[in-house]
Structure formats: structure tokens, C-alpha cells
Amino acid sequence: MKIVNITFLTYLSSIKNIENDNIDVFVELEDGVTYTMVVATPQNYYWYMDKEGLDYVPPSPPDIIVRSLTEDNIRQAIGAFAEDDAYWMKLYFLSGERKGAFEMDRMDKMLAEIKRSNDEIFGAE
């Protein structure tokens, strides 16, 4: 899907360490929807775990990961997420919502259907 506009909510020039940070971006696509995405670096995950005294990243909606927070890296990554009718951008964006496609009842029904299908293929035990 075509990207109409990308708006950086933080000036990239103000980021102290472009290899250890994250930023929010607005991505407007040709479908008229503006998607809010978080772009982060791998190092930012290590920093967060150290800060919180954790050995894992807690459950949360996924981020777009780039090696460093440069405009080129961010635009390339967002471009990749906009491919194939923006499937992955839509999925990442909607994963932050606990209603609609990701309501617990709806997910449980989808998983039950997958289980039924697998049981038919592999035989229920």
C-alpha cells in the first residue's frame, strides 16, 4: 500500500543515542488511515530490561525494529511494513487494541477452530 506521509513525533536530531531509543511515528497510507507505530532499536530493549531488572521484555504490542533511528532506516522499515496491502502494519497497529479483531472471545473462537481443524487432520488424541 502506498505511503502518503510519515510524521516523526520526535525530531531525529534531538535523539541522543540513535542506537538506543524508540520513537512514535504516524504513518498515513492511501487507505486514509493514519497508523501510530513505535520504532525501536534492539539496544533499547536491553536498556529497558536492565532498567526494570528483567531478563525479558514484558508483553506489549510489537514495535518496528531498526538498527539505528535514522530517517532512512525508519522509512525503509515502514515501507516494508506497508507492502502486501500493509498486512503487517495493520496487524502491529491492531495488536495494541483489546477490542475488535483481538477481543479475547474472538481469539479463543479462532484458536478453537484451528484446534478442530488440526484434530481433523492429525486425529484427536
C-alpha atoms as a PDB file:
ATOM      1  CA  MET A   1       0.000   0.000   0.000  1.00  0.00           C
ATOM      2  CA  LYS A   2       1.268   3.463  -0.819  1.00  0.00           C
ATOM      3  CA  ILE A   3       2.581   5.650   1.997  1.00  0.00           C
ATOM      4  CA  VAL A   4       1.152   9.161   1.805  1.00  0.00           C
ATOM      5  CA  ASN A   5       3.068  10.678   4.723  1.00  0.00           C
ATOM      6  CA  ILE A   6       5.310   9.741   7.638  1.00  0.00           C
ATOM      7  CA  THR A   7       5.355  12.139  10.598  1.00  0.00           C
ATOM      8  CA  PHE A   8       8.091  11.819  13.195  1.00  0.00           C
ATOM      9  CA  LEU A   9       6.767  12.855  16.613  1.00  0.00           C
ATOM     10  CA  THR A  10      10.328  13.411  17.840  1.00  0.00           C
ATOM     11  CA  TYR A  11      12.957  15.335  15.920  1.00  0.00           C
ATOM     12  CA  LEU A  12      15.530  12.735  14.969  1.00  0.00           C
ATOM     13  CA  SER A  13      18.258  15.328  15.561  1.00  0.00           C
ATOM     14  CA  SER A  14      17.214  15.513  19.237  1.00  0.00           C
ATOM     15  CA  ILE A  15      17.824  11.799  19.905  1.00  0.00           C
ATOM     16  CA  LYS A  16      20.991  11.439  21.989  1.00  0.00           C
ATOM     17  CA  ASN A  17      21.740   7.818  21.078  1.00  0.00           C
ATOM     18  CA  ILE A  18      20.201   6.694  17.793  1.00  0.00           C
ATOM     19  CA  GLU A  19      21.190   3.076  18.561  1.00  0.00           C
ATOM     20  CA  ASN A  20      19.368   3.026  21.914  1.00  0.00           C
ATOM     21  CA  ASP A  21      15.962   4.677  21.812  1.00  0.00           C
ATOM     22  CA  ASN A  22      12.456   4.458  20.410  1.00  0.00           C
ATOM     23  CA  ILE A  23      10.092   6.940  18.815  1.00  0.00           C
ATOM     24  CA  ASP A  24       6.466   7.153  17.780  1.00  0.00           C
ATOM     25  CA  VAL A  25       5.646   7.843  14.157  1.00  0.00           C
ATOM     26  CA  PHE A  26       2.384   8.494  12.370  1.00  0.00           C
ATOM     27  CA  VAL A  27       2.075   6.718   9.037  1.00  0.00           C
ATOM     28  CA  GLU A  28      -0.678   7.847   6.701  1.00  0.00           C
ATOM     29  CA  LEU A  29      -1.479   5.334   3.975  1.00  0.00           C
ATOM     30  CA  GLU A  30      -3.505   5.706   0.812  1.00  0.00           C
ATOM     31  CA  ASP A  31      -6.456   3.990   2.544  1.00  0.00           C
ATOM     32  CA  GLY A  32      -6.911   7.220   4.515  1.00  0.00           C
ATOM     33  CA  VAL A  33      -5.947   5.644   7.843  1.00  0.00           C
ATOM     34  CA  THR A  34      -3.138   7.068   9.950  1.00  0.00           C
ATOM     35  CA  TYR A  35      -1.321   4.349  11.868  1.00  0.00           C
ATOM     36  CA  THR A  36       0.631   5.087  15.039  1.00  0.00           C
ATOM     37  CA  MET A  37       3.740   2.928  15.117  1.00  0.00           C
ATOM     38  CA  VAL A  38       6.606   2.633  17.591  1.00  0.00           C
ATOM     39  CA  VAL A  39      10.045   2.289  16.043  1.00  0.00           C
ATOM     40  CA  ALA A  40      12.738   0.977  18.396  1.00  0.00           C
ATOM     41  CA  THR A  41      16.295  -0.290  18.325  1.00  0.00           C
ATOM     42  CA  PRO A  42      17.424  -3.682  19.655  1.00  0.00           C
ATOM     43  CA  GLN A  43      19.695  -1.929  22.168  1.00  0.00           C
ATOM     44  CA  ASN A  44      16.660  -0.130  23.574  1.00  0.00           C
ATOM     45  CA  TYR A  45      15.240  -3.486  24.605  1.00  0.00           C
ATOM     46  CA  TYR A  46      18.412  -4.346  26.545  1.00  0.00           C
ATOM     47  CA  TRP A  47      18.366  -0.911  28.175  1.00  0.00           C
ATOM     48  CA  TYR A  48      14.733  -1.373  29.212  1.00  0.00           C
ATOM     49  CA  MET A  49      15.341  -4.834  30.693  1.00  0.00           C
ATOM     50  CA  ASP A  50      18.366  -3.522  32.642  1.00  0.00           C
ATOM     51  CA  LYS A  51      16.370  -0.512  33.868  1.00  0.00           C
ATOM     52  CA  GLU A  52      13.495  -2.714  35.059  1.00  0.00           C
ATOM     53  CA  GLY A  53      15.699  -5.550  36.370  1.00  0.00           C
ATOM     54  CA  LEU A  54      14.133  -8.049  33.961  1.00  0.00           C
ATOM     55  CA  ASP A  55      15.533 -10.787  31.750  1.00  0.00           C
ATOM     56  CA  TYR A  56      12.701 -10.422  29.205  1.00  0.00           C
ATOM     57  CA  VAL A  57      10.598  -7.785  27.540  1.00  0.00           C
ATOM     58  CA  PRO A  58       7.088  -7.787  29.045  1.00  0.00           C
ATOM     59  CA  PRO A  59       4.134  -8.484  26.742  1.00  0.00           C
ATOM     60  CA  SER A  60       3.153  -5.469  24.715  1.00  0.00           C
ATOM     61  CA  PRO A  61       2.190  -4.577  21.163  1.00  0.00           C
ATOM     62  CA  PRO A  62       5.151  -5.143  18.828  1.00  0.00           C
ATOM     63  CA  ASP A  63       7.485  -2.401  17.684  1.00  0.00           C
ATOM     64  CA  ILE A  64       9.114  -1.912  14.311  1.00  0.00           C
ATOM     65  CA  ILE A  65      12.786  -2.691  14.906  1.00  0.00           C
ATOM     66  CA  VAL A  66      15.625  -0.827  13.188  1.00  0.00           C
ATOM     67  CA  ARG A  67      19.376  -0.976  13.787  1.00  0.00           C
ATOM     68  CA  SER A  68      19.508   2.761  14.443  1.00  0.00           C
ATOM     69  CA  LEU A  69      16.987   5.585  14.408  1.00  0.00           C
ATOM     70  CA  THR A  70      17.873   7.258  11.146  1.00  0.00           C
ATOM     71  CA  GLU A  71      15.301   8.639   8.747  1.00  0.00           C
ATOM     72  CA  ASP A  72      16.460   6.255   6.028  1.00  0.00           C
ATOM     73  CA  ASN A  73      16.214   3.161   8.267  1.00  0.00           C
ATOM     74  CA  ILE A  74      12.789   4.164   9.533  1.00  0.00           C
ATOM     75  CA  ARG A  75      11.446   4.903   6.051  1.00  0.00           C
ATOM     76  CA  GLN A  76      12.788   1.597   4.705  1.00  0.00           C
ATOM     77  CA  ALA A  77      11.247  -0.368   7.582  1.00  0.00           C
ATOM     78  CA  ILE A  78       7.889   1.372   7.299  1.00  0.00           C
ATOM     79  CA  GLY A  79       7.974   0.806   3.550  1.00  0.00           C
ATOM     80  CA  ALA A  80       8.434  -2.923   4.152  1.00  0.00           C
ATOM     81  CA  PHE A  81       5.516  -2.922   6.606  1.00  0.00           C
ATOM     82  CA  ALA A  82       3.343  -1.160   4.005  1.00  0.00           C
ATOM     83  CA  GLU A  83       3.880  -3.941   1.446  1.00  0.00           C
ATOM     84  CA  ASP A  84       1.247  -6.583   0.726  1.00  0.00           C
ATOM     85  CA  ASP A  85      -1.658  -4.221   1.401  1.00  0.00           C
ATOM     86  CA  ALA A  86       0.053  -3.177   4.678  1.00  0.00           C
ATOM     87  CA  TYR A  87      -0.751  -6.522   6.291  1.00  0.00           C
ATOM     88  CA  TRP A  88       1.975  -6.312   8.945  1.00  0.00           C
ATOM     89  CA  MET A  89       1.407  -2.624   9.672  1.00  0.00           C
ATOM     90  CA  LYS A  90      -2.285  -3.307  10.235  1.00  0.00           C
ATOM     91  CA  LEU A  91      -1.503  -6.315  12.425  1.00  0.00           C
ATOM     92  CA  TYR A  92       1.038  -4.418  14.557  1.00  0.00           C
ATOM     93  CA  PHE A  93      -1.313  -1.440  14.865  1.00  0.00           C
ATOM     94  CA  LEU A  94      -4.368  -3.516  15.781  1.00  0.00           C
ATOM     95  CA  SER A  95      -2.442  -5.634  18.280  1.00  0.00           C
ATOM     96  CA  GLY A  96      -2.481  -2.641  20.604  1.00  0.00           C
ATOM     97  CA  GLU A  97      -6.281  -2.732  20.672  1.00  0.00           C
ATOM     98  CA  ARG A  98      -8.128  -5.090  23.005  1.00  0.00           C
ATOM     99  CA  LYS A  99     -11.331  -4.797  21.031  1.00  0.00           C
ATOM    100  CA  GLY A 100     -12.277  -5.769  17.523  1.00  0.00           C
ATOM    101  CA  ALA A 101     -10.119  -8.495  15.996  1.00  0.00           C
ATOM    102  CA  PHE A 102      -8.215  -9.040  19.218  1.00  0.00           C
ATOM    103  CA  GLU A 103     -11.051  -9.424  21.697  1.00  0.00           C
ATOM    104  CA  MET A 104     -10.347 -12.442  23.885  1.00  0.00           C
ATOM    105  CA  ASP A 105     -13.608 -14.212  22.946  1.00  0.00           C
ATOM    106  CA  ARG A 106     -12.921 -13.719  19.257  1.00  0.00           C
ATOM    107  CA  MET A 107      -9.352 -15.013  19.572  1.00  0.00           C
ATOM    108  CA  ASP A 108     -10.500 -18.022  21.605  1.00  0.00           C
ATOM    109  CA  LYS A 109     -13.032 -18.905  18.893  1.00  0.00           C
ATOM    110  CA  MET A 110     -10.373 -18.619  16.181  1.00  0.00           C
ATOM    111  CA  LEU A 111      -7.997 -20.828  18.166  1.00  0.00           C
ATOM    112  CA  ALA A 112     -10.729 -23.384  18.832  1.00  0.00           C
ATOM    113  CA  GLU A 113     -11.411 -23.551  15.088  1.00  0.00           C
ATOM    114  CA  ILE A 114      -7.711 -24.076  14.375  1.00  0.00           C
ATOM    115  CA  LYS A 115      -7.587 -26.818  17.001  1.00  0.00           C
ATOM    116  CA  ARG A 116     -10.657 -28.529  15.478  1.00  0.00           C
ATOM    117  CA  SER A 117      -9.070 -28.355  12.053  1.00  0.00           C
ATOM    118  CA  ASN A 118      -5.776 -29.758  13.356  1.00  0.00           C
ATOM    119  CA  ASP A 119      -7.627 -32.532  15.205  1.00  0.00           C
ATOM    120  CA  GLU A 120      -9.339 -33.490  11.937  1.00  0.00           C
ATOM    121  CA  ILE A 121      -6.015 -33.542  10.077  1.00  0.00           C
ATOM    122  CA  PHE A 122      -3.906 -35.260  12.721  1.00  0.00           C
ATOM    123  CA  GLY A 123      -6.605 -37.161  14.595  1.00  0.00           C
ATOM    124  CA  ALA A 124      -7.772 -36.178  18.060  1.00  0.00           C
ATOM    125  CA  GLU A 125      -5.916 -37.820  20.914  1.00  0.00           C
END
